[in-house]
Structures are given as C-alpha cells and as structure tokens.
Amino acid sequence: MQAIRLKQTIEKDSEIHLSDLPVFQGQVVEVIVLISPLPEPKKTFTVRQLLDSGLIGVWENRTDIKDSLTYAQQLRNRKSTLQTSKV
C-alpha cells in the first residue's frame, strides 16, 4: 500500500478537502487523520486582573534596588548574555 502525506490547515470547522490525489475510480483507499493540538492562546490580563495579581509594586519594599529601570535593564542584559552563551 502506498502512503501519501498531506498537511493542511483547516479553513472551516469539521471540513477537510482532498483533491489532486493519484487515485482512480474503483480504488479502495484508507484515510487516517492525525490532529495536532490547537496552540494555546496567549494569556493576557485585564487591568483588574493585573492589579489583583500582586505583580504591581512587587519591588516596592526592596531596599537593594535604587533605580528599578536600571535594575530591569541589568536583568535583561544578564538574560541576553546567558542565552547567547548557550548557543
């Protein structure tokens, strides 16, 4: 039995359209459909959820951070350096 692999993105719920296959009238074919999981949507916060999350002001009582913008930039630079060194 010959196998043909086709990948399609579904354009309409519950429908798959196959055409231009090397098959002829009277031939018997078997179709197996493998379904990949849907990508999880990005989680976003509403303003209320963000305010209630505890993330706002998380550095407020830290005494080791004098300038939060500079500190955040240092963290980004450190992360970038670590990612570059792993490559």
PDB file of N, CA and C in Angstrom:
ATOM      1  N   MET A   1       0.854  -1.179   0.000  1.00  0.00           N
ATOM      2  CA  MET A   1       0.000   0.000   0.000  1.00  0.00           C
ATOM      3  C   MET A   1       0.897   1.237   0.000  1.00  0.00           C
ATOM      4  N   GLN A   2       0.590   2.197  -0.824  1.00  0.00           N
ATOM      5  CA  GLN A   2       1.350   3.447  -0.935  1.00  0.00           C
ATOM      6  C   GLN A   2       0.813   4.450   0.075  1.00  0.00           C
ATOM      7  N   ALA A   3       1.699   5.212   0.682  1.00  0.00           N
ATOM      8  CA  ALA A   3       1.281   6.245   1.635  1.00  0.00           C
ATOM      9  C   ALA A   3       1.554   7.623   1.051  1.00  0.00           C
ATOM     10  N   ILE A   4       0.618   8.510   1.244  1.00  0.00           N
ATOM     11  CA  ILE A   4       0.760   9.905   0.820  1.00  0.00           C
ATOM     12  C   ILE A   4       0.501  10.758   2.038  1.00  0.00           C
ATOM     13  N   ARG A   5       1.425  11.664   2.324  1.00  0.00           N
ATOM     14  CA  ARG A   5       1.246  12.547   3.476  1.00  0.00           C
ATOM     15  C   ARG A   5       0.903  13.941   2.984  1.00  0.00           C
ATOM     16  N   LEU A   6      -0.195  14.471   3.480  1.00  0.00           N
ATOM     17  CA  LEU A   6      -0.616  15.831   3.167  1.00  0.00           C
ATOM     18  C   LEU A   6      -0.822  16.567   4.477  1.00  0.00           C
ATOM     19  N   LYS A   7      -0.406  17.795   4.522  1.00  0.00           N
ATOM     20  CA  LYS A   7      -0.682  18.635   5.692  1.00  0.00           C
ATOM     21  C   LYS A   7      -1.535  19.796   5.232  1.00  0.00           C
ATOM     22  N   GLN A   8      -2.576  20.067   5.982  1.00  0.00           N
ATOM     23  CA  GLN A   8      -3.470  21.170   5.661  1.00  0.00           C
ATOM     24  C   GLN A   8      -3.808  21.922   6.919  1.00  0.00           C
ATOM     25  N   THR A   9      -4.080  23.194   6.743  1.00  0.00           N
ATOM     26  CA  THR A   9      -4.649  23.984   7.830  1.00  0.00           C
ATOM     27  C   THR A   9      -6.146  24.036   7.576  1.00  0.00           C
ATOM     28  N   ILE A  10      -6.901  23.705   8.570  1.00  0.00           N
ATOM     29  CA  ILE A  10      -8.353  23.655   8.436  1.00  0.00           C
ATOM     30  C   ILE A  10      -8.886  25.069   8.258  1.00  0.00           C
ATOM     31  N   GLU A  11      -9.652  25.257   7.209  1.00  0.00           N
ATOM     32  CA  GLU A  11     -10.221  26.572   6.915  1.00  0.00           C
ATOM     33  C   GLU A  11     -11.638  26.718   7.440  1.00  0.00           C
ATOM     34  N   LYS A  12     -12.361  25.608   7.554  1.00  0.00           N
ATOM     35  CA  LYS A  12     -13.728  25.653   8.062  1.00  0.00           C
ATOM     36  C   LYS A  12     -13.911  24.493   9.023  1.00  0.00           C
ATOM     37  N   ASP A  13     -14.482  24.751  10.197  1.00  0.00           N
ATOM     38  CA  ASP A  13     -14.674  23.712  11.201  1.00  0.00           C
ATOM     39  C   ASP A  13     -15.292  22.452  10.585  1.00  0.00           C
ATOM     40  N   SER A  14     -14.781  21.323  10.974  1.00  0.00           N
ATOM     41  CA  SER A  14     -15.308  19.998  10.615  1.00  0.00           C
ATOM     42  C   SER A  14     -15.131  19.617   9.149  1.00  0.00           C
ATOM     43  N   GLU A  15     -14.329  20.329   8.379  1.00  0.00           N
ATOM     44  CA  GLU A  15     -14.181  20.009   6.963  1.00  0.00           C
ATOM     45  C   GLU A  15     -12.710  19.847   6.562  1.00  0.00           C
ATOM     46  N   ILE A  16     -12.455  18.794   5.793  1.00  0.00           N
ATOM     47  CA  ILE A  16     -11.157  18.569   5.171  1.00  0.00           C
ATOM     48  C   ILE A  16     -11.434  18.304   3.698  1.00  0.00           C
ATOM     49  N   HIS A  17     -10.703  18.948   2.829  1.00  0.00           N
ATOM     50  CA  HIS A  17     -10.878  18.749   1.392  1.00  0.00           C
ATOM     51  C   HIS A  17      -9.593  18.186   0.807  1.00  0.00           C
ATOM     52  N   LEU A  18      -9.716  17.041   0.144  1.00  0.00           N
ATOM     53  CA  LEU A  18      -8.575  16.414  -0.512  1.00  0.00           C
ATOM     54  C   LEU A  18      -8.843  16.401  -2.008  1.00  0.00           C
ATOM     55  N   SER A  19      -7.856  16.776  -2.776  1.00  0.00           N
ATOM     56  CA  SER A  19      -8.018  16.757  -4.237  1.00  0.00           C
ATOM     57  C   SER A  19      -6.664  16.525  -4.888  1.00  0.00           C
ATOM     58  N   ASP A  20      -6.688  16.250  -6.181  1.00  0.00           N
ATOM     59  CA  ASP A  20      -5.481  16.029  -6.977  1.00  0.00           C
ATOM     60  C   ASP A  20      -4.629  14.881  -6.442  1.00  0.00           C
ATOM     61  N   LEU A  21      -5.303  13.835  -5.975  1.00  0.00           N
ATOM     62  CA  LEU A  21      -4.596  12.656  -5.485  1.00  0.00           C
ATOM     63  C   LEU A  21      -4.444  11.644  -6.627  1.00  0.00           C
ATOM     64  N   PRO A  22      -3.383  10.850  -6.597  1.00  0.00           N
ATOM     65  CA  PRO A  22      -3.175   9.851  -7.657  1.00  0.00           C
ATOM     66  C   PRO A  22      -4.023   8.600  -7.427  1.00  0.00           C
ATOM     67  N   VAL A  23      -5.339   8.782  -7.368  1.00  0.00           N
ATOM     68  CA  VAL A  23      -6.262   7.665  -7.146  1.00  0.00           C
ATOM     69  C   VAL A  23      -7.270   7.624  -8.291  1.00  0.00           C
ATOM     70  N   PHE A  24      -7.838   6.431  -8.497  1.00  0.00           N
ATOM     71  CA  PHE A  24      -8.739   6.253  -9.620  1.00  0.00           C
ATOM     72  C   PHE A  24     -10.043   5.619  -9.161  1.00  0.00           C
ATOM     73  N   GLN A  25     -11.059   5.859  -9.914  1.00  0.00           N
ATOM     74  CA  GLN A  25     -12.376   5.321  -9.619  1.00  0.00           C
ATOM     75  C   GLN A  25     -12.282   3.819  -9.407  1.00  0.00           C
ATOM     76  N   GLY A  26     -12.889   3.342  -8.333  1.00  0.00           N
ATOM     77  CA  GLY A  26     -12.890   1.916  -8.013  1.00  0.00           C
ATOM     78  C   GLY A  26     -11.781   1.500  -7.063  1.00  0.00           C
ATOM     79  N   GLN A  27     -10.760   2.329  -6.915  1.00  0.00           N
ATOM     80  CA  GLN A  27      -9.689   2.004  -5.962  1.00  0.00           C
ATOM     81  C   GLN A  27     -10.221   2.161  -4.551  1.00  0.00           C
ATOM     82  N   VAL A  28      -9.718   1.336  -3.652  1.00  0.00           N
ATOM     83  CA  VAL A  28     -10.065   1.447  -2.234  1.00  0.00           C
ATOM     84  C   VAL A  28      -8.936   2.189  -1.545  1.00  0.00           C
ATOM     85  N   VAL A  29      -9.278   3.217  -0.765  1.00  0.00           N
ATOM     86  CA  VAL A  29      -8.274   3.973  -0.015  1.00  0.00           C
ATOM     87  C   VAL A  29      -8.659   3.980   1.459  1.00  0.00           C
ATOM     88  N   GLU A  30      -7.662   4.135   2.288  1.00  0.00           N
ATOM     89  CA  GLU A  30      -7.875   4.266   3.723  1.00  0.00           C
ATOM     90  C   GLU A  30      -7.335   5.633   4.128  1.00  0.00           C
ATOM     91  N   VAL A  31      -8.127   6.386   4.865  1.00  0.00           N
ATOM     92  CA  VAL A  31      -7.731   7.727   5.280  1.00  0.00           C
ATOM     93  C   VAL A  31      -7.581   7.734   6.793  1.00  0.00           C
ATOM     94  N   ILE A  32      -6.426   8.163   7.251  1.00  0.00           N
ATOM     95  CA  ILE A  32      -6.168   8.326   8.686  1.00  0.00           C
ATOM     96  C   ILE A  32      -5.900   9.802   8.913  1.00  0.00           C
ATOM     97  N   VAL A  33      -6.604  10.392   9.843  1.00  0.00           N
ATOM     98  CA  VAL A  33      -6.453  11.822  10.129  1.00  0.00           C
ATOM     99  C   VAL A  33      -5.753  11.967  11.477  1.00  0.00           C
ATOM    100  N   LEU A  34      -4.593  12.605  11.472  1.00  0.00           N
ATOM    101  CA  LEU A  34      -3.862  12.909  12.700  1.00  0.00           C
ATOM    102  C   LEU A  34      -4.073  14.384  13.002  1.00  0.00           C
ATOM    103  N   ILE A  35      -4.563  14.677  14.168  1.00  0.00           N
ATOM    104  CA  ILE A  35      -4.910  16.049  14.522  1.00  0.00           C
ATOM    105  C   ILE A  35      -3.898  16.586  15.526  1.00  0.00           C
ATOM    106  N   SER A  36      -3.251  17.690  15.175  1.00  0.00           N
ATOM    107  CA  SER A  36      -2.319  18.320  16.113  1.00  0.00           C
ATOM    108  C   SER A  36      -3.124  19.179  17.086  1.00  0.00           C
ATOM    109  N   PRO A  37      -2.622  19.333  18.305  1.00  0.00           N
ATOM    110  CA  PRO A  37      -3.353  20.168  19.269  1.00  0.00           C
ATOM    111  C   PRO A  37      -3.369  21.620  18.833  1.00  0.00           C
ATOM    112  N   LEU A  38      -4.434  22.306  19.185  1.00  0.00           N
ATOM    113  CA  LEU A  38      -4.515  23.739  18.903  1.00  0.00           C
ATOM    114  C   LEU A  38      -3.509  24.468  19.780  1.00  0.00           C
ATOM    115  N   PRO A  39      -2.855  25.492  19.254  1.00  0.00           N
ATOM    116  CA  PRO A  39      -1.948  26.266  20.111  1.00  0.00           C
ATOM    117  C   PRO A  39      -2.753  26.949  21.212  1.00  0.00           C
ATOM    118  N   GLU A  40      -2.153  26.965  22.395  1.00  0.00           N
ATOM    119  CA  GLU A  40      -2.829  27.632  23.498  1.00  0.00           C
ATOM    120  C   GLU A  40      -2.791  29.137  23.274  1.00  0.00           C
ATOM    121  N   PRO A  41      -3.922  29.789  23.495  1.00  0.00           N
ATOM    122  CA  PRO A  41      -3.930  31.239  23.304  1.00  0.00           C
ATOM    123  C   PRO A  41      -3.027  31.910  24.330  1.00  0.00           C
ATOM    124  N   LYS A  42      -2.422  33.021  23.919  1.00  0.00           N
ATOM    125  CA  LYS A  42      -1.600  33.785  24.855  1.00  0.00           C
ATOM    126  C   LYS A  42      -2.477  34.274  25.990  1.00  0.00           C
ATOM    127  N   LYS A  43      -1.973  34.100  27.194  1.00  0.00           N
ATOM    128  CA  LYS A  43      -2.725  34.564  28.347  1.00  0.00           C
ATOM    129  C   LYS A  43      -2.477  36.056  28.530  1.00  0.00           C
ATOM    130  N   THR A  44      -3.532  36.794  28.549  1.00  0.00           N
ATOM    131  CA  THR A  44      -3.426  38.231  28.783  1.00  0.00           C
ATOM    132  C   THR A  44      -4.237  38.584  30.019  1.00  0.00           C
ATOM    133  N   PHE A  45      -3.846  39.631  30.672  1.00  0.00           N
ATOM    134  CA  PHE A  45      -4.530  40.092  31.870  1.00  0.00           C
ATOM    135  C   PHE A  45      -5.369  41.320  31.550  1.00  0.00           C
ATOM    136  N   THR A  46      -6.509  41.394  32.183  1.00  0.00           N
ATOM    137  CA  THR A  46      -7.230  42.665  32.173  1.00  0.00           C
ATOM    138  C   THR A  46      -6.524  43.555  33.179  1.00  0.00           C
ATOM    139  N   VAL A  47      -6.822  44.825  33.153  1.00  0.00           N
ATOM    140  CA  VAL A  47      -6.211  45.755  34.112  1.00  0.00           C
ATOM    141  C   VAL A  47      -6.544  45.305  35.536  1.00  0.00           C
ATOM    142  N   ARG A  48      -7.774  44.912  35.782  1.00  0.00           N
ATOM    143  CA  ARG A  48      -8.182  44.473  37.127  1.00  0.00           C
ATOM    144  C   ARG A  48      -7.394  43.239  37.541  1.00  0.00           C
ATOM    145  N   GLN A  49      -7.261  42.255  36.632  1.00  0.00           N
ATOM    146  CA  GLN A  49      -6.507  41.041  36.966  1.00  0.00           C
ATOM    147  C   GLN A  49      -5.046  41.363  37.255  1.00  0.00           C
ATOM    148  N   LEU A  50      -4.479  42.287  36.492  1.00  0.00           N
ATOM    149  CA  LEU A  50      -3.089  42.683  36.714  1.00  0.00           C
ATOM    150  C   LEU A  50      -2.933  43.355  38.071  1.00  0.00           C
ATOM    151  N   LEU A  51      -3.852  44.253  38.397  1.00  0.00           N
ATOM    152  CA  LEU A  51      -3.784  44.923  39.699  1.00  0.00           C
ATOM    153  C   LEU A  51      -3.962  43.928  40.848  1.00  0.00           C
ATOM    154  N   ASP A  52      -4.830  42.930  40.646  1.00  0.00           N
ATOM    155  CA  ASP A  52      -5.096  41.938  41.695  1.00  0.00           C
ATOM    156  C   ASP A  52      -4.019  40.855  41.775  1.00  0.00           C
ATOM    157  N   SER A  53      -3.134  40.776  40.776  1.00  0.00           N
ATOM    158  CA  SER A  53      -2.160  39.692  40.699  1.00  0.00           C
ATOM    159  C   SER A  53      -1.020  39.823  41.705  1.00  0.00           C
ATOM    160  N   GLY A  54      -0.808  41.006  42.211  1.00  0.00           N
ATOM    161  CA  GLY A  54       0.321  41.212  43.111  1.00  0.00           C
ATOM    162  C   GLY A  54       1.605  41.573  42.381  1.00  0.00           C
ATOM    163  N   LEU A  55       1.574  41.627  41.056  1.00  0.00           N
ATOM    164  CA  LEU A  55       2.774  41.977  40.300  1.00  0.00           C
ATOM    165  C   LEU A  55       3.097  43.465  40.380  1.00  0.00           C
ATOM    166  N   ILE A  56       2.071  44.285  40.449  1.00  0.00           N
ATOM    167  CA  ILE A  56       2.278  45.726  40.532  1.00  0.00           C
ATOM    168  C   ILE A  56       2.864  46.049  41.907  1.00  0.00           C
ATOM    169  N   GLY A  57       4.009  46.689  41.910  1.00  0.00           N
ATOM    170  CA  GLY A  57       4.648  47.076  43.168  1.00  0.00           C
ATOM    171  C   GLY A  57       5.451  45.975  43.825  1.00  0.00           C
ATOM    172  N   VAL A  58       5.745  44.916  43.093  1.00  0.00           N
ATOM    173  CA  VAL A  58       6.454  43.789  43.687  1.00  0.00           C
ATOM    174  C   VAL A  58       7.832  44.189  44.225  1.00  0.00           C
ATOM    175  N   TRP A  59       8.439  45.235  43.636  1.00  0.00           N
ATOM    176  CA  TRP A  59       9.754  45.679  44.095  1.00  0.00           C
ATOM    177  C   TRP A  59       9.652  46.832  45.081  1.00  0.00           C
ATOM    178  N   GLU A  60       8.474  47.231  45.435  1.00  0.00           N
ATOM    179  CA  GLU A  60       8.250  48.435  46.238  1.00  0.00           C
ATOM    180  C   GLU A  60       9.042  48.454  47.550  1.00  0.00           C
ATOM    181  N   ASN A  61       9.084  47.348  48.260  1.00  0.00           N
ATOM    182  CA  ASN A  61       9.729  47.323  49.581  1.00  0.00           C
ATOM    183  C   ASN A  61      11.158  46.801  49.544  1.00  0.00           C
ATOM    184  N   ARG A  62      11.715  46.610  48.353  1.00  0.00           N
ATOM    185  CA  ARG A  62      13.094  46.132  48.273  1.00  0.00           C
ATOM    186  C   ARG A  62      14.051  47.289  48.506  1.00  0.00           C
ATOM    187  N   THR A  63      15.018  47.059  49.349  1.00  0.00           N
ATOM    188  CA  THR A  63      15.987  48.113  49.665  1.00  0.00           C
ATOM    189  C   THR A  63      17.249  48.010  48.805  1.00  0.00           C
ATOM    190  N   ASP A  64      17.423  46.875  48.111  1.00  0.00           N
ATOM    191  CA  ASP A  64      18.627  46.682  47.306  1.00  0.00           C
ATOM    192  C   ASP A  64      18.481  47.262  45.902  1.00  0.00           C
ATOM    193  N   ILE A  65      17.307  47.745  45.542  1.00  0.00           N
ATOM    194  CA  ILE A  65      17.084  48.302  44.210  1.00  0.00           C
ATOM    195  C   ILE A  65      16.825  49.795  44.351  1.00  0.00           C
ATOM    196  N   LYS A  66      17.773  50.581  43.857  1.00  0.00           N
ATOM    197  CA  LYS A  66      17.627  52.030  43.949  1.00  0.00           C
ATOM    198  C   LYS A  66      16.873  52.592  42.744  1.00  0.00           C
ATOM    199  N   ASP A  67      17.150  52.029  41.564  1.00  0.00           N
ATOM    200  CA  ASP A  67      16.528  52.503  40.333  1.00  0.00           C
ATOM    201  C   ASP A  67      15.962  51.285  39.591  1.00  0.00           C
ATOM    202  N   SER A  68      14.645  51.134  39.609  1.00  0.00           N
ATOM    203  CA  SER A  68      14.030  49.926  39.047  1.00  0.00           C
ATOM    204  C   SER A  68      14.236  49.809  37.534  1.00  0.00           C
ATOM    205  N   LEU A  69      14.300  50.936  36.822  1.00  0.00           N
ATOM    206  CA  LEU A  69      14.534  50.872  35.386  1.00  0.00           C
ATOM    207  C   LEU A  69      15.922  50.314  35.073  1.00  0.00           C
ATOM    208  N   THR A  70      16.913  50.800  35.797  1.00  0.00           N
ATOM    209  CA  THR A  70      18.279  50.317  35.612  1.00  0.00           C
ATOM    210  C   THR A  70      18.374  48.843  35.997  1.00  0.00           C
ATOM    211  N   TYR A  71      17.740  48.483  37.104  1.00  0.00           N
ATOM    212  CA  TYR A  71      17.762  47.095  37.566  1.00  0.00           C
ATOM    213  C   TYR A  71      17.117  46.170  36.524  1.00  0.00           C
ATOM    214  N   ALA A  72      15.977  46.570  35.970  1.00  0.00           N
ATOM    215  CA  ALA A  72      15.297  45.769  34.955  1.00  0.00           C
ATOM    216  C   ALA A  72      16.182  45.611  33.721  1.00  0.00           C
ATOM    217  N   GLN A  73      16.856  46.667  33.315  1.00  0.00           N
ATOM    218  CA  GLN A  73      17.756  46.592  32.164  1.00  0.00           C
ATOM    219  C   GLN A  73      18.915  45.639  32.443  1.00  0.00           C
ATOM    220  N   GLN A  74      19.439  45.653  33.663  1.00  0.00           N
ATOM    221  CA  GLN A  74      20.521  44.738  34.028  1.00  0.00           C
ATOM    222  C   GLN A  74      20.044  43.286  33.944  1.00  0.00           C
ATOM    223  N   LEU A  75      18.809  43.030  34.384  1.00  0.00           N
ATOM    224  CA  LEU A  75      18.253  41.679  34.299  1.00  0.00           C
ATOM    225  C   LEU A  75      18.117  41.240  32.836  1.00  0.00           C
ATOM    226  N   ARG A  76      17.634  42.143  31.998  1.00  0.00           N
ATOM    227  CA  ARG A  76      17.504  41.824  30.571  1.00  0.00           C
ATOM    228  C   ARG A  76      18.871  41.529  29.955  1.00  0.00           C
ATOM    229  N   ASN A  77      19.851  42.347  30.268  1.00  0.00           N
ATOM    230  CA  ASN A  77      21.201  42.141  29.741  1.00  0.00           C
ATOM    231  C   ASN A  77      21.781  40.810  30.208  1.00  0.00           C
ATOM    232  N   ARG A  78      21.571  40.477  31.468  1.00  0.00           N
ATOM    233  CA  ARG A  78      22.076  39.228  32.014  1.00  0.00           C
ATOM    234  C   ARG A  78      21.417  38.044  31.305  1.00  0.00           C
ATOM    235  N   LYS A  79      20.105  38.123  31.099  1.00  0.00           N
ATOM    236  CA  LYS A  79      19.392  37.055  30.407  1.00  0.00           C
ATOM    237  C   LYS A  79      19.898  36.923  28.977  1.00  0.00           C
ATOM    238  N   SER A  80      20.092  38.042  28.300  1.00  0.00           N
ATOM    239  CA  SER A  80      20.581  38.036  26.917  1.00  0.00           C
ATOM    240  C   SER A  80      21.964  37.407  26.853  1.00  0.00           C
ATOM    241  N   THR A  81      22.824  37.730  27.793  1.00  0.00           N
ATOM    242  CA  THR A  81      24.174  37.177  27.843  1.00  0.00           C
ATOM    243  C   THR A  81      24.123  35.682  28.066  1.00  0.00           C
ATOM    244  N   LEU A  82      23.246  35.206  28.944  1.00  0.00           N
ATOM    245  CA  LEU A  82      23.119  33.777  29.223  1.00  0.00           C
ATOM    246  C   LEU A  82      22.608  33.046  27.985  1.00  0.00           C
ATOM    247  N   GLN A  83      21.645  33.616  27.288  1.00  0.00           N
ATOM    248  CA  GLN A  83      21.112  32.968  26.079  1.00  0.00           C
ATOM    249  C   GLN A  83      22.163  32.911  24.998  1.00  0.00           C
ATOM    250  N   THR A  84      22.957  33.955  24.842  1.00  0.00           N
ATOM    251  CA  THR A  84      23.995  33.996  23.824  1.00  0.00           C
ATOM    252  C   THR A  84      25.081  32.966  24.111  1.00  0.00           C
ATOM    253  N   SER A  85      25.434  32.780  25.384  1.00  0.00           N
ATOM    254  CA  SER A  85      26.496  31.866  25.731  1.00  0.00           C
ATOM    255  C   SER A  85      26.069  30.409  25.573  1.00  0.00           C
ATOM    256  N   LYS A  86      24.759  30.119  25.587  1.00  0.00           N
ATOM    257  CA  LYS A  86      24.279  28.748  25.416  1.00  0.00           C
ATOM    258  C   LYS A  86      24.321  28.306  23.963  1.00  0.00           C
ATOM    259  N   VAL A  87      24.360  29.263  23.046  1.00  0.00           N
ATOM    260  CA  VAL A  87      24.315  28.939  21.614  1.00  0.00           C
ATOM    261  C   VAL A  87      25.626  28.442  21.125  1.00  0.00           C
TER     262      VAL A  87
END
